[in-house]
Amino acid sequence: AWLPVRAELRRWQRESGIPMLFTEVGYASIDGVAMHPWDYTAEG
């Protein structure tokens, strides 16, 4: 699932030439979090 996202972001960074950071890489400890990583209030 990550691979096409990586390809898009690598292309975008090369075209922009601007250093790219990931300011938030995280996952809540909830069953099913990979379906909606932003939702820390999800049931599970």
PDB file of all heavy atoms in Angstrom:
ATOM      1  N   ALA A   1       0.826  -1.213   0.000  1.00  0.00           N
ATOM      2  CA  ALA A   1       0.000   0.000   0.000  1.00  0.00           C
ATOM      3  C   ALA A   1       0.861   1.264   0.000  1.00  0.00           C
ATOM      4  O   ALA A   1       0.475   2.297  -0.568  1.00  0.00           O
ATOM      5  CB  ALA A   1      -0.931  -0.005   1.206  1.00  0.00           C
ATOM      6  N   TRP A   2       2.033   1.195   0.627  1.00  0.00           N
ATOM      7  CA  TRP A   2       2.929   2.346   0.697  1.00  0.00           C
ATOM      8  C   TRP A   2       3.638   2.634  -0.632  1.00  0.00           C
ATOM      9  O   TRP A   2       3.973   3.782  -0.932  1.00  0.00           O
ATOM     10  CB  TRP A   2       4.009   2.123   1.763  1.00  0.00           C
ATOM     11  CG  TRP A   2       3.779   2.782   3.081  1.00  0.00           C
ATOM     12  CD1 TRP A   2       3.632   2.180   4.295  1.00  0.00           C
ATOM     13  CD2 TRP A   2       3.699   4.189   3.345  1.00  0.00           C
ATOM     14  NE1 TRP A   2       3.467   3.104   5.292  1.00  0.00           N
ATOM     15  CE2 TRP A   2       3.507   4.356   4.734  1.00  0.00           C
ATOM     16  CE3 TRP A   2       3.767   5.317   2.537  1.00  0.00           C
ATOM     17  CZ2 TRP A   2       3.386   5.612   5.331  1.00  0.00           C
ATOM     18  CZ3 TRP A   2       3.643   6.570   3.127  1.00  0.00           C
ATOM     19  CH2 TRP A   2       3.452   6.714   4.498  1.00  0.00           C
ATOM     20  N   LEU A   3       3.905   1.623  -1.420  1.00  0.00           N
ATOM     21  CA  LEU A   3       4.783   1.795  -2.572  1.00  0.00           C
ATOM     22  C   LEU A   3       4.304   2.848  -3.571  1.00  0.00           C
ATOM     23  O   LEU A   3       5.108   3.681  -4.011  1.00  0.00           O
ATOM     24  CB  LEU A   3       5.007   0.450  -3.264  1.00  0.00           C
ATOM     25  CG  LEU A   3       5.825  -0.561  -2.445  1.00  0.00           C
ATOM     26  CD1 LEU A   3       5.962  -1.873  -3.208  1.00  0.00           C
ATOM     27  CD2 LEU A   3       7.195  -0.006  -2.090  1.00  0.00           C
ATOM     28  N   PRO A   4       3.023   2.877  -3.987  1.00  0.00           N
ATOM     29  CA  PRO A   4       2.612   3.947  -4.910  1.00  0.00           C
ATOM     30  C   PRO A   4       2.669   5.329  -4.272  1.00  0.00           C
ATOM     31  O   PRO A   4       2.953   6.325  -4.951  1.00  0.00           O
ATOM     32  CB  PRO A   4       1.189   3.561  -5.314  1.00  0.00           C
ATOM     33  CG  PRO A   4       0.712   2.629  -4.260  1.00  0.00           C
ATOM     34  CD  PRO A   4       1.922   1.906  -3.767  1.00  0.00           C
ATOM     35  N   VAL A   5       2.413   5.417  -2.965  1.00  0.00           N
ATOM     36  CA  VAL A   5       2.532   6.699  -2.267  1.00  0.00           C
ATOM     37  C   VAL A   5       3.981   7.159  -2.293  1.00  0.00           C
ATOM     38  O   VAL A   5       4.284   8.329  -2.577  1.00  0.00           O
ATOM     39  CB  VAL A   5       2.034   6.574  -0.812  1.00  0.00           C
ATOM     40  CG1 VAL A   5       2.267   7.874  -0.046  1.00  0.00           C
ATOM     41  CG2 VAL A   5       0.557   6.197  -0.781  1.00  0.00           C
ATOM     42  N   ARG A   6       4.886   6.230  -2.026  1.00  0.00           N
ATOM     43  CA  ARG A   6       6.306   6.583  -2.049  1.00  0.00           C
ATOM     44  C   ARG A   6       6.725   7.078  -3.431  1.00  0.00           C
ATOM     45  O   ARG A   6       7.453   8.071  -3.551  1.00  0.00           O
ATOM     46  CB  ARG A   6       7.160   5.390  -1.640  1.00  0.00           C
ATOM     47  CG  ARG A   6       8.641   5.736  -1.543  1.00  0.00           C
ATOM     48  CD  ARG A   6       9.493   4.535  -1.201  1.00  0.00           C
ATOM     49  NE  ARG A   6       9.554   3.580  -2.301  1.00  0.00           N
ATOM     50  CZ  ARG A   6      10.285   2.466  -2.276  1.00  0.00           C
ATOM     51  NH1 ARG A   6      11.003   2.166  -1.196  1.00  0.00           N
ATOM     52  NH2 ARG A   6      10.293   1.643  -3.296  1.00  0.00           N
ATOM     53  N   ALA A   7       6.261   6.411  -4.460  1.00  0.00           N
ATOM     54  CA  ALA A   7       6.631   6.822  -5.814  1.00  0.00           C
ATOM     55  C   ALA A   7       6.150   8.241  -6.100  1.00  0.00           C
ATOM     56  O   ALA A   7       6.881   9.057  -6.686  1.00  0.00           O
ATOM     57  CB  ALA A   7       6.050   5.843  -6.827  1.00  0.00           C
ATOM     58  N   GLU A   8       4.922   8.564  -5.680  1.00  0.00           N
ATOM     59  CA  GLU A   8       4.379   9.907  -5.910  1.00  0.00           C
ATOM     60  C   GLU A   8       5.168  10.956  -5.135  1.00  0.00           C
ATOM     61  O   GLU A   8       5.516  12.019  -5.675  1.00  0.00           O
ATOM     62  CB  GLU A   8       2.910   9.959  -5.498  1.00  0.00           C
ATOM     63  CG  GLU A   8       2.286  11.338  -5.668  1.00  0.00           C
ATOM     64  CD  GLU A   8       0.870  11.409  -5.120  1.00  0.00           C
ATOM     65  OE1 GLU A   8       0.429  10.465  -4.431  1.00  0.00           O
ATOM     66  OE2 GLU A   8       0.205  12.437  -5.369  1.00  0.00           O
ATOM     67  N   LEU A   9       5.468  10.678  -3.872  1.00  0.00           N
ATOM     68  CA  LEU A   9       6.176  11.669  -3.056  1.00  0.00           C
ATOM     69  C   LEU A   9       7.623  11.850  -3.509  1.00  0.00           C
ATOM     70  O   LEU A   9       8.143  12.967  -3.472  1.00  0.00           O
ATOM     71  CB  LEU A   9       6.131  11.262  -1.581  1.00  0.00           C
ATOM     72  CG  LEU A   9       4.761  11.321  -0.912  1.00  0.00           C
ATOM     73  CD1 LEU A   9       4.852  10.890   0.547  1.00  0.00           C
ATOM     74  CD2 LEU A   9       4.153  12.713  -1.011  1.00  0.00           C
ATOM     75  N   ARG A  10       8.259  10.792  -3.958  1.00  0.00           N
ATOM     76  CA  ARG A  10       9.631  10.933  -4.457  1.00  0.00           C
ATOM     77  C   ARG A  10       9.655  11.800  -5.716  1.00  0.00           C
ATOM     78  O   ARG A  10      10.519  12.659  -5.874  1.00  0.00           O
ATOM     79  CB  ARG A  10      10.232   9.560  -4.743  1.00  0.00           C
ATOM     80  CG  ARG A  10      10.464   8.719  -3.505  1.00  0.00           C
ATOM     81  CD  ARG A  10      11.116   7.384  -3.836  1.00  0.00           C
ATOM     82  NE  ARG A  10      12.530   7.569  -4.179  1.00  0.00           N
ATOM     83  CZ  ARG A  10      13.347   6.554  -4.452  1.00  0.00           C
ATOM     84  NH1 ARG A  10      12.892   5.306  -4.446  1.00  0.00           N
ATOM     85  NH2 ARG A  10      14.612   6.787  -4.741  1.00  0.00           N
ATOM     86  N   ARG A  11       8.699  11.568  -6.609  1.00  0.00           N
ATOM     87  CA  ARG A  11       8.624  12.384  -7.830  1.00  0.00           C
ATOM     88  C   ARG A  11       8.371  13.836  -7.471  1.00  0.00           C
ATOM     89  O   ARG A  11       9.032  14.745  -7.989  1.00  0.00           O
ATOM     90  CB  ARG A  11       7.500  11.865  -8.725  1.00  0.00           C
ATOM     91  CG  ARG A  11       7.252  12.738  -9.966  1.00  0.00           C
ATOM     92  CD  ARG A  11       5.942  12.378 -10.638  1.00  0.00           C
ATOM     93  NE  ARG A  11       4.812  12.477  -9.737  1.00  0.00           N
ATOM     94  CZ  ARG A  11       4.246  13.630  -9.369  1.00  0.00           C
ATOM     95  NH1 ARG A  11       4.739  14.792  -9.819  1.00  0.00           N
ATOM     96  NH2 ARG A  11       3.213  13.638  -8.555  1.00  0.00           N
ATOM     97  N   TRP A  12       7.433  14.068  -6.544  1.00  0.00           N
ATOM     98  CA  TRP A  12       7.075  15.432  -6.153  1.00  0.00           C
ATOM     99  C   TRP A  12       8.272  16.138  -5.519  1.00  0.00           C
ATOM    100  O   TRP A  12       8.549  17.303  -5.814  1.00  0.00           O
ATOM    101  CB  TRP A  12       5.897  15.380  -5.191  1.00  0.00           C
ATOM    102  CG  TRP A  12       5.474  16.703  -4.652  1.00  0.00           C
ATOM    103  CD1 TRP A  12       4.762  17.672  -5.288  1.00  0.00           C
ATOM    104  CD2 TRP A  12       5.726  17.206  -3.330  1.00  0.00           C
ATOM    105  NE1 TRP A  12       4.550  18.743  -4.454  1.00  0.00           N
ATOM    106  CE2 TRP A  12       5.137  18.489  -3.258  1.00  0.00           C
ATOM    107  CE3 TRP A  12       6.383  16.696  -2.210  1.00  0.00           C
ATOM    108  CZ2 TRP A  12       5.197  19.257  -2.095  1.00  0.00           C
ATOM    109  CZ3 TRP A  12       6.436  17.468  -1.058  1.00  0.00           C
ATOM    110  CH2 TRP A  12       5.850  18.732  -1.017  1.00  0.00           C
ATOM    111  N   GLN A  13       9.016  15.441  -4.675  1.00  0.00           N
ATOM    112  CA  GLN A  13      10.163  16.066  -4.028  1.00  0.00           C
ATOM    113  C   GLN A  13      11.251  16.400  -5.046  1.00  0.00           C
ATOM    114  O   GLN A  13      11.853  17.478  -4.992  1.00  0.00           O
ATOM    115  CB  GLN A  13      10.723  15.140  -2.939  1.00  0.00           C
ATOM    116  CG  GLN A  13      11.732  15.815  -2.007  1.00  0.00           C
ATOM    117  CD  GLN A  13      13.109  15.986  -2.639  1.00  0.00           C
ATOM    118  OE1 GLN A  13      13.562  15.128  -3.408  1.00  0.00           O
ATOM    119  NE2 GLN A  13      13.783  17.095  -2.319  1.00  0.00           N
ATOM    120  N   ARG A  14      11.501  15.503  -5.986  1.00  0.00           N
ATOM    121  CA  ARG A  14      12.527  15.779  -6.986  1.00  0.00           C
ATOM    122  C   ARG A  14      12.150  16.981  -7.847  1.00  0.00           C
ATOM    123  O   ARG A  14      13.002  17.792  -8.206  1.00  0.00           O
ATOM    124  CB  ARG A  14      12.750  14.541  -7.864  1.00  0.00           C
ATOM    125  CG  ARG A  14      13.463  13.402  -7.152  1.00  0.00           C
ATOM    126  CD  ARG A  14      13.934  12.348  -8.129  1.00  0.00           C
ATOM    127  NE  ARG A  14      12.816  11.705  -8.830  1.00  0.00           N
ATOM    128  CZ  ARG A  14      12.232  10.575  -8.456  1.00  0.00           C
ATOM    129  NH1 ARG A  14      12.652   9.952  -7.364  1.00  0.00           N
ATOM    130  NH2 ARG A  14      11.246  10.056  -9.148  1.00  0.00           N
ATOM    131  N   GLU A  15      10.868  17.102  -8.164  1.00  0.00           N
ATOM    132  CA  GLU A  15      10.428  18.235  -8.978  1.00  0.00           C
ATOM    133  C   GLU A  15      10.488  19.544  -8.212  1.00  0.00           C
ATOM    134  O   GLU A  15      10.828  20.592  -8.765  1.00  0.00           O
ATOM    135  CB  GLU A  15       9.005  17.987  -9.486  1.00  0.00           C
ATOM    136  CG  GLU A  15       8.915  16.867 -10.526  1.00  0.00           C
ATOM    137  CD  GLU A  15       7.486  16.596 -10.959  1.00  0.00           C
ATOM    138  OE1 GLU A  15       6.555  17.223 -10.390  1.00  0.00           O
ATOM    139  OE2 GLU A  15       7.291  15.764 -11.866  1.00  0.00           O
ATOM    140  N   SER A  16      10.154  19.534  -6.928  1.00  0.00           N
ATOM    141  CA  SER A  16      10.153  20.757  -6.125  1.00  0.00           C
ATOM    142  C   SER A  16      11.553  21.144  -5.684  1.00  0.00           C
ATOM    143  O   SER A  16      11.866  22.327  -5.544  1.00  0.00           O
ATOM    144  CB  SER A  16       9.253  20.595  -4.893  1.00  0.00           C
ATOM    145  OG  SER A  16       9.843  19.714  -3.947  1.00  0.00           O
ATOM    146  N   GLY A  17      12.407  20.158  -5.431  1.00  0.00           N
ATOM    147  CA  GLY A  17      13.758  20.430  -4.960  1.00  0.00           C
ATOM    148  C   GLY A  17      13.835  20.888  -3.519  1.00  0.00           C
ATOM    149  O   GLY A  17      14.893  21.324  -3.053  1.00  0.00           O
ATOM    150  N   ILE A  18      12.734  20.809  -2.785  1.00  0.00           N
ATOM    151  CA  ILE A  18      12.689  21.286  -1.401  1.00  0.00           C
ATOM    152  C   ILE A  18      12.883  20.104  -0.459  1.00  0.00           C
ATOM    153  O   ILE A  18      12.258  19.050  -0.638  1.00  0.00           O
ATOM    154  CB  ILE A  18      11.335  21.970  -1.124  1.00  0.00           C
ATOM    155  CG1 ILE A  18      11.159  23.168  -2.054  1.00  0.00           C
ATOM    156  CG2 ILE A  18      11.236  22.408   0.335  1.00  0.00           C
ATOM    157  CD1 ILE A  18       9.753  23.713  -2.058  1.00  0.00           C
ATOM    158  N   PRO A  19      13.760  20.217   0.548  1.00  0.00           N
ATOM    159  CA  PRO A  19      13.913  19.122   1.505  1.00  0.00           C
ATOM    160  C   PRO A  19      12.567  18.713   2.096  1.00  0.00           C
ATOM    161  O   PRO A  19      11.766  19.556   2.515  1.00  0.00           O
ATOM    162  CB  PRO A  19      14.835  19.718   2.574  1.00  0.00           C
ATOM    163  CG  PRO A  19      15.624  20.761   1.846  1.00  0.00           C
ATOM    164  CD  PRO A  19      14.677  21.347   0.842  1.00  0.00           C
ATOM    165  N   MET A  20      12.314  17.415   2.131  1.00  0.00           N
ATOM    166  CA  MET A  20      11.025  16.879   2.579  1.00  0.00           C
ATOM    167  C   MET A  20      11.195  16.140   3.900  1.00  0.00           C
ATOM    168  O   MET A  20      12.051  15.258   4.022  1.00  0.00           O
ATOM    169  CB  MET A  20      10.451  15.936   1.514  1.00  0.00           C
ATOM    170  CG  MET A  20       9.102  15.338   1.884  1.00  0.00           C
ATOM    171  SD  MET A  20       8.407  14.299   0.550  1.00  0.00           S
ATOM    172  CE  MET A  20       9.508  12.863   0.628  1.00  0.00           C
ATOM    173  N   LEU A  21      10.372  16.520   4.872  1.00  0.00           N
ATOM    174  CA  LEU A  21      10.334  15.859   6.168  1.00  0.00           C
ATOM    175  C   LEU A  21       8.979  15.186   6.351  1.00  0.00           C
ATOM    176  O   LEU A  21       7.973  15.631   5.792  1.00  0.00           O
ATOM    177  CB  LEU A  21      10.517  16.861   7.307  1.00  0.00           C
ATOM    178  CG  LEU A  21      11.577  17.941   7.187  1.00  0.00           C
ATOM    179  CD1 LEU A  21      11.470  18.882   8.386  1.00  0.00           C
ATOM    180  CD2 LEU A  21      12.959  17.316   7.115  1.00  0.00           C
ATOM    181  N   PHE A  22       8.951  14.152   7.166  1.00  0.00           N
ATOM    182  CA  PHE A  22       7.682  13.636   7.678  1.00  0.00           C
ATOM    183  C   PHE A  22       7.569  14.129   9.120  1.00  0.00           C
ATOM    184  O   PHE A  22       8.318  13.688   9.993  1.00  0.00           O
ATOM    185  CB  PHE A  22       7.629  12.121   7.621  1.00  0.00           C
ATOM    186  CG  PHE A  22       7.481  11.553   6.233  1.00  0.00           C
ATOM    187  CD1 PHE A  22       7.875  10.259   5.950  1.00  0.00           C
ATOM    188  CD2 PHE A  22       6.923  12.312   5.216  1.00  0.00           C
ATOM    189  CE1 PHE A  22       7.727   9.732   4.681  1.00  0.00           C
ATOM    190  CE2 PHE A  22       6.772  11.806   3.934  1.00  0.00           C
ATOM    191  CZ  PHE A  22       7.174  10.505   3.672  1.00  0.00           C
ATOM    192  N   THR A  23       6.670  15.061   9.356  1.00  0.00           N
ATOM    193  CA  THR A  23       6.543  15.671  10.679  1.00  0.00           C
ATOM    194  C   THR A  23       5.723  14.825  11.646  1.00  0.00           C
ATOM    195  O   THR A  23       5.820  15.018  12.858  1.00  0.00           O
ATOM    196  CB  THR A  23       5.899  17.059  10.562  1.00  0.00           C
ATOM    197  OG1 THR A  23       4.815  16.998   9.632  1.00  0.00           O
ATOM    198  CG2 THR A  23       6.906  18.083  10.069  1.00  0.00           C
ATOM    199  N   GLU A  24       4.926  13.898  11.133  1.00  0.00           N
ATOM    200  CA  GLU A  24       4.159  13.001  11.994  1.00  0.00           C
ATOM    201  C   GLU A  24       4.094  11.629  11.344  1.00  0.00           C
ATOM    202  O   GLU A  24       3.420  11.450  10.321  1.00  0.00           O
ATOM    203  CB  GLU A  24       2.738  13.525  12.233  1.00  0.00           C
ATOM    204  CG  GLU A  24       2.659  14.851  12.968  1.00  0.00           C
ATOM    205  CD  GLU A  24       1.224  15.303  13.207  1.00  0.00           C
ATOM    206  OE1 GLU A  24       0.338  14.429  13.354  1.00  0.00           O
ATOM    207  OE2 GLU A  24       0.983  16.521  13.221  1.00  0.00           O
ATOM    208  N   VAL A  25       4.793  10.670  11.919  1.00  0.00           N
ATOM    209  CA  VAL A  25       4.692   9.267  11.522  1.00  0.00           C
ATOM    210  C   VAL A  25       4.245   8.505  12.750  1.00  0.00           C
ATOM    211  O   VAL A  25       5.023   8.344  13.701  1.00  0.00           O
ATOM    212  CB  VAL A  25       6.032   8.707  11.012  1.00  0.00           C
ATOM    213  CG1 VAL A  25       5.891   7.225  10.691  1.00  0.00           C
ATOM    214  CG2 VAL A  25       6.516   9.475   9.794  1.00  0.00           C
ATOM    215  N   GLY A  26       2.988   8.079  12.777  1.00  0.00           N
ATOM    216  CA  GLY A  26       2.516   7.400  13.970  1.00  0.00           C
ATOM    217  C   GLY A  26       1.213   6.668  13.747  1.00  0.00           C
ATOM    218  O   GLY A  26       0.447   6.983  12.828  1.00  0.00           O
ATOM    219  N   TYR A  27       0.977   5.708  14.624  1.00  0.00           N
ATOM    220  CA  TYR A  27      -0.230   4.885  14.555  1.00  0.00           C
ATOM    221  C   TYR A  27      -0.693   4.615  15.976  1.00  0.00           C
ATOM    222  O   TYR A  27       0.113   4.222  16.836  1.00  0.00           O
ATOM    223  CB  TYR A  27       0.050   3.559  13.841  1.00  0.00           C
ATOM    224  CG  TYR A  27       0.542   3.772  12.422  1.00  0.00           C
ATOM    225  CD1 TYR A  27       1.911   3.914  12.159  1.00  0.00           C
ATOM    226  CD2 TYR A  27      -0.351   3.881  11.375  1.00  0.00           C
ATOM    227  CE1 TYR A  27       2.364   4.144  10.877  1.00  0.00           C
ATOM    228  CE2 TYR A  27       0.101   4.111  10.077  1.00  0.00           C
ATOM    229  CZ  TYR A  27       1.457   4.238   9.838  1.00  0.00           C
ATOM    230  OH  TYR A  27       1.898   4.481   8.563  1.00  0.00           O
ATOM    231  N   ALA A  28      -1.979   4.807  16.217  1.00  0.00           N
ATOM    232  CA  ALA A  28      -2.536   4.453  17.514  1.00  0.00           C
ATOM    233  C   ALA A  28      -2.535   2.935  17.673  1.00  0.00           C
ATOM    234  O   ALA A  28      -2.517   2.189  16.690  1.00  0.00           O
ATOM    235  CB  ALA A  28      -3.955   5.007  17.640  1.00  0.00           C
ATOM    236  N   SER A  29      -2.567   2.492  18.909  1.00  0.00           N
ATOM    237  CA  SER A  29      -2.539   1.047  19.199  1.00  0.00           C
ATOM    238  C   SER A  29      -3.960   0.508  19.236  1.00  0.00           C
ATOM    239  O   SER A  29      -4.455   0.046  20.272  1.00  0.00           O
ATOM    240  CB  SER A  29      -1.829   0.806  20.532  1.00  0.00           C
ATOM    241  OG  SER A  29      -0.536   1.346  20.515  1.00  0.00           O
ATOM    242  N   ILE A  30      -4.624   0.547  18.081  1.00  0.00           N
ATOM    243  CA  ILE A  30      -6.028   0.161  17.967  1.00  0.00           C
ATOM    244  C   ILE A  30      -6.172  -0.824  16.814  1.00  0.00           C
ATOM    245  O   ILE A  30      -5.612  -0.621  15.735  1.00  0.00           O
ATOM    246  CB  ILE A  30      -6.923   1.389  17.706  1.00  0.00           C
ATOM    247  CG1 ILE A  30      -6.776   2.416  18.834  1.00  0.00           C
ATOM    248  CG2 ILE A  30      -8.385   0.988  17.556  1.00  0.00           C
ATOM    249  CD1 ILE A  30      -7.496   3.718  18.560  1.00  0.00           C
ATOM    250  N   ASP A  31      -6.940  -1.870  17.033  1.00  0.00           N
ATOM    251  CA  ASP A  31      -7.201  -2.827  15.970  1.00  0.00           C
ATOM    252  C   ASP A  31      -7.890  -2.131  14.799  1.00  0.00           C
ATOM    253  O   ASP A  31      -8.891  -1.436  14.979  1.00  0.00           O
ATOM    254  CB  ASP A  31      -8.100  -3.950  16.507  1.00  0.00           C
ATOM    255  CG  ASP A  31      -8.291  -5.060  15.501  1.00  0.00           C
ATOM    256  OD1 ASP A  31      -7.329  -5.383  14.779  1.00  0.00           O
ATOM    257  OD2 ASP A  31      -9.415  -5.604  15.433  1.00  0.00           O
ATOM    258  N   GLY A  32      -7.341  -2.281  13.604  1.00  0.00           N
ATOM    259  CA  GLY A  32      -7.898  -1.641  12.421  1.00  0.00           C
ATOM    260  C   GLY A  32      -7.321  -0.278  12.123  1.00  0.00           C
ATOM    261  O   GLY A  32      -7.781   0.399  11.203  1.00  0.00           O
ATOM    262  N   VAL A  33      -6.286   0.154  12.851  1.00  0.00           N
ATOM    263  CA  VAL A  33      -5.766   1.515  12.687  1.00  0.00           C
ATOM    264  C   VAL A  33      -5.209   1.752  11.292  1.00  0.00           C
ATOM    265  O   VAL A  33      -5.219   2.886  10.789  1.00  0.00           O
ATOM    266  CB  VAL A  33      -4.703   1.817  13.760  1.00  0.00           C
ATOM    267  CG1 VAL A  33      -3.419   1.016  13.515  1.00  0.00           C
ATOM    268  CG2 VAL A  33      -4.390   3.302  13.816  1.00  0.00           C
ATOM    269  N   ALA A  34      -4.754   0.719  10.623  1.00  0.00           N
ATOM    270  CA  ALA A  34      -4.189   0.909   9.284  1.00  0.00           C
ATOM    271  C   ALA A  34      -5.231   1.388   8.281  1.00  0.00           C
ATOM    272  O   ALA A  34      -4.879   1.957   7.244  1.00  0.00           O
ATOM    273  CB  ALA A  34      -3.560  -0.394   8.782  1.00  0.00           C
ATOM    274  N   MET A  35      -6.523   1.193   8.576  1.00  0.00           N
ATOM    275  CA  MET A  35      -7.573   1.654   7.659  1.00  0.00           C
ATOM    276  C   MET A  35      -7.806   3.154   7.783  1.00  0.00           C
ATOM    277  O   MET A  35      -8.260   3.788   6.839  1.00  0.00           O
ATOM    278  CB  MET A  35      -8.879   0.900   7.944  1.00  0.00           C
ATOM    279  CG  MET A  35      -8.799  -0.602   7.683  1.00  0.00           C
ATOM    280  SD  MET A  35     -10.413  -1.425   7.814  1.00  0.00           S
ATOM    281  CE  MET A  35     -10.721  -1.278   9.587  1.00  0.00           C
ATOM    282  N   HIS A  36      -7.516   3.714   8.957  1.00  0.00           N
ATOM    283  CA  HIS A  36      -7.769   5.140   9.209  1.00  0.00           C
ATOM    284  C   HIS A  36      -6.762   5.636  10.248  1.00  0.00           C
ATOM    285  O   HIS A  36      -7.117   5.895  11.404  1.00  0.00           O
ATOM    286  CB  HIS A  36      -9.206   5.349   9.714  1.00  0.00           C
ATOM    287  CG  HIS A  36      -9.701   4.235  10.595  1.00  0.00           C
ATOM    288  ND1 HIS A  36      -9.192   4.001  11.853  1.00  0.00           N
ATOM    289  CD2 HIS A  36     -10.630   3.282  10.371  1.00  0.00           C
ATOM    290  CE1 HIS A  36      -9.807   2.958  12.396  1.00  0.00           C
ATOM    291  NE2 HIS A  36     -10.679   2.491  11.511  1.00  0.00           N
ATOM    292  N   PRO A  37      -5.492   5.787   9.860  1.00  0.00           N
ATOM    293  CA  PRO A  37      -4.451   6.106  10.846  1.00  0.00           C
ATOM    294  C   PRO A  37      -4.640   7.427  11.574  1.00  0.00           C
ATOM    295  O   PRO A  37      -4.062   7.625  12.648  1.00  0.00           O
ATOM    296  CB  PRO A  37      -3.167   6.125  10.000  1.00  0.00           C
ATOM    297  CG  PRO A  37      -3.478   5.296   8.805  1.00  0.00           C
ATOM    298  CD  PRO A  37      -4.926   5.545   8.525  1.00  0.00           C
ATOM    299  N   TRP A  38      -5.399   8.356  11.005  1.00  0.00           N
ATOM    300  CA  TRP A  38      -5.596   9.666  11.631  1.00  0.00           C
ATOM    301  C   TRP A  38      -6.604   9.613  12.773  1.00  0.00           C
ATOM    302  O   TRP A  38      -6.667  10.541  13.582  1.00  0.00           O
ATOM    303  CB  TRP A  38      -6.087  10.661  10.569  1.00  0.00           C
ATOM    304  CG  TRP A  38      -7.400  10.244   9.970  1.00  0.00           C
ATOM    305  CD1 TRP A  38      -8.656  10.543  10.444  1.00  0.00           C
ATOM    306  CD2 TRP A  38      -7.596   9.418   8.827  1.00  0.00           C
ATOM    307  NE1 TRP A  38      -9.611   9.951   9.658  1.00  0.00           N
ATOM    308  CE2 TRP A  38      -8.990   9.259   8.657  1.00  0.00           C
ATOM    309  CE3 TRP A  38      -6.733   8.795   7.923  1.00  0.00           C
ATOM    310  CZ2 TRP A  38      -9.529   8.505   7.612  1.00  0.00           C
ATOM    311  CZ3 TRP A  38      -7.271   8.052   6.887  1.00  0.00           C
ATOM    312  CH2 TRP A  38      -8.645   7.909   6.740  1.00  0.00           C
ATOM    313  N   ASP A  39      -7.404   8.559  12.862  1.00  0.00           N
ATOM    314  CA  ASP A  39      -8.545   8.536  13.782  1.00  0.00           C
ATOM    315  C   ASP A  39      -8.194   7.806  15.068  1.00  0.00           C
ATOM    316  O   ASP A  39      -8.394   6.597  15.197  1.00  0.00           O
ATOM    317  CB  ASP A  39      -9.750   7.882  13.104  1.00  0.00           C
ATOM    318  CG  ASP A  39     -11.029   8.024  13.946  1.00  0.00           C
ATOM    319  OD1 ASP A  39     -10.956   8.666  15.025  1.00  0.00           O
ATOM    320  OD2 ASP A  39     -12.073   7.500  13.523  1.00  0.00           O
ATOM    321  N   TYR A  40      -7.662   8.560  16.030  1.00  0.00           N
ATOM    322  CA  TYR A  40      -7.296   7.962  17.311  1.00  0.00           C
ATOM    323  C   TYR A  40      -8.507   7.738  18.202  1.00  0.00           C
ATOM    324  O   TYR A  40      -8.394   7.150  19.281  1.00  0.00           O
ATOM    325  CB  TYR A  40      -6.271   8.844  18.032  1.00  0.00           C
ATOM    326  CG  TYR A  40      -6.754  10.262  18.281  1.00  0.00           C
ATOM    327  CD1 TYR A  40      -7.432  10.598  19.442  1.00  0.00           C
ATOM    328  CD2 TYR A  40      -6.531  11.262  17.333  1.00  0.00           C
ATOM    329  CE1 TYR A  40      -7.876  11.890  19.673  1.00  0.00           C
ATOM    330  CE2 TYR A  40      -6.968  12.556  17.546  1.00  0.00           C
ATOM    331  CZ  TYR A  40      -7.642  12.859  18.709  1.00  0.00           C
ATOM    332  OH  TYR A  40      -8.090  14.144  18.916  1.00  0.00           O
ATOM    333  N   THR A  41      -9.704   8.182  17.774  1.00  0.00           N
ATOM    334  CA  THR A  41     -10.935   7.976  18.549  1.00  0.00           C
ATOM    335  C   THR A  41     -11.711   6.758  18.069  1.00  0.00           C
ATOM    336  O   THR A  41     -12.792   6.475  18.589  1.00  0.00           O
ATOM    337  CB  THR A  41     -11.842   9.210  18.446  1.00  0.00           C
ATOM    338  OG1 THR A  41     -12.312   9.349  17.088  1.00  0.00           O
ATOM    339  CG2 THR A  41     -11.101  10.472  18.845  1.00  0.00           C
ATOM    340  N   ALA A  42     -11.203   6.036  17.087  1.00  0.00           N
ATOM    341  CA  ALA A  42     -11.937   4.926  16.489  1.00  0.00           C
ATOM    342  C   ALA A  42     -12.203   3.815  17.513  1.00  0.00           C
ATOM    343  O   ALA A  42     -11.433   3.605  18.454  1.00  0.00           O
ATOM    344  CB  ALA A  42     -11.162   4.365  15.307  1.00  0.00           C
ATOM    345  N   GLU A  43     -13.303   3.105  17.289  1.00  0.00           N
ATOM    346  CA  GLU A  43     -13.600   1.936  18.105  1.00  0.00           C
ATOM    347  C   GLU A  43     -12.617   0.825  17.741  1.00  0.00           C
ATOM    348  O   GLU A  43     -12.100   0.755  16.636  1.00  0.00           O
ATOM    349  CB  GLU A  43     -15.030   1.464  17.849  1.00  0.00           C
ATOM    350  CG  GLU A  43     -16.094   2.485  18.230  1.00  0.00           C
ATOM    351  CD  GLU A  43     -16.158   2.718  19.724  1.00  0.00           C
ATOM    352  OE1 GLU A  43     -15.837   1.773  20.475  1.00  0.00           O
ATOM    353  OE2 GLU A  43     -16.516   3.834  20.145  1.00  0.00           O
ATOM    354  N   GLY A  44     -12.392  -0.058  18.688  1.00  0.00           N
ATOM    355  CA  GLY A  44     -11.502  -1.176  18.422  1.00  0.00           C
ATOM    356  C   GLY A  44     -10.716  -1.540  19.664  1.00  0.00           C
ATOM    357  O   GLY A  44     -10.470  -0.694  20.533  1.00  0.00           O
TER     358      GLY A  44
END
